[in-house]
């Protein structure tokens, strides 16, 4: 059984600001696939979806120029 990951949301959002665009896009795809594969049995699905969300937020922030 998978060990449940804990996310420090503020820290993760700060981390995304240091990531390259290609890294953000890689994490989005990888975490999305992990969440999809783990539906119904993996306790980390929420963690993976949070990763997708925060990386997508950072890409949007960069696009808007803020």
Protein backbone atom coordinates (compact mmCIF):
# COMPACT_ATOMS: atom_id res chain seq x y z
CA UNK A 1 0.00 0.00 0.00
CA UNK A 2 1.22 3.50 -0.85
CA UNK A 3 2.25 5.86 1.93
CA UNK A 4 0.12 9.01 1.89
CA UNK A 5 2.09 12.12 0.92
CA UNK A 6 1.55 15.42 2.74
CA UNK A 7 1.82 18.66 0.81
CA UNK A 8 2.91 21.98 2.22
CA UNK A 9 0.82 24.06 -0.17
CA UNK A 10 2.59 27.40 0.38
CA UNK A 11 6.01 25.80 -0.05
CA UNK A 12 4.96 23.97 -3.21
CA UNK A 13 3.58 27.18 -4.75
CA UNK A 14 6.90 28.89 -4.04
CA UNK A 15 8.75 25.95 -5.58
CA UNK A 16 6.80 26.25 -8.84
CA UNK A 17 8.19 29.77 -9.31
CA UNK A 18 11.70 28.30 -9.57
CA UNK A 19 10.77 25.63 -12.11
CA UNK A 20 11.30 25.96 -15.84
CA UNK A 21 8.29 25.92 -18.13
CA UNK A 22 9.27 22.50 -19.44
CA UNK A 23 9.53 21.18 -15.86
CA UNK A 24 6.10 22.55 -15.01
CA UNK A 25 4.60 20.92 -18.09
CA UNK A 26 6.34 17.62 -17.32
CA UNK A 27 5.03 17.59 -13.72
CA UNK A 28 1.51 18.38 -14.95
CA UNK A 29 1.51 15.45 -17.34
CA UNK A 30 3.22 13.04 -14.96
CA UNK A 31 1.00 13.91 -12.00
CA UNK A 32 -2.13 13.76 -14.16
CA UNK A 33 -1.20 10.26 -15.29
CA UNK A 34 -0.41 9.18 -11.72
CA UNK A 35 -3.74 10.51 -10.48
CA UNK A 36 -5.62 8.75 -13.24
CA UNK A 37 -3.80 5.46 -12.62
CA UNK A 38 -4.38 5.66 -8.87
CA UNK A 39 -8.11 6.44 -8.84
CA UNK A 40 -9.94 4.33 -6.32
CA UNK A 41 -6.95 2.84 -4.52
CA UNK A 42 -4.00 5.25 -4.17
CA UNK A 43 -4.26 7.70 -1.24
CA UNK A 44 -1.99 10.16 -3.08
CA UNK A 45 -4.41 11.04 -5.89
CA UNK A 46 -5.25 14.34 -4.16
CA UNK A 47 -1.55 15.19 -3.87
CA UNK A 48 -1.02 14.59 -7.57
CA UNK A 49 -4.02 16.71 -8.47
CA UNK A 50 -2.68 19.51 -6.26
CA UNK A 51 0.59 19.32 -8.19
CA UNK A 52 -1.29 19.66 -11.46
CA UNK A 53 -3.23 22.62 -10.11
CA UNK A 54 -0.25 24.56 -8.73
CA UNK A 55 1.90 23.99 -11.81
CA UNK A 56 -0.95 25.10 -14.07
CA UNK A 57 -1.48 28.17 -11.88
CA UNK A 58 2.18 29.10 -12.27
CA UNK A 59 2.05 28.72 -16.06
CA UNK A 60 -1.03 30.95 -16.12
CA UNK A 61 0.67 33.52 -13.87
CA UNK A 62 3.65 33.68 -16.22
CA UNK A 63 1.43 34.01 -19.27
CA UNK A 64 -0.46 36.92 -17.71
CA UNK A 65 2.84 38.67 -16.93
CA UNK A 66 2.32 39.06 -13.20
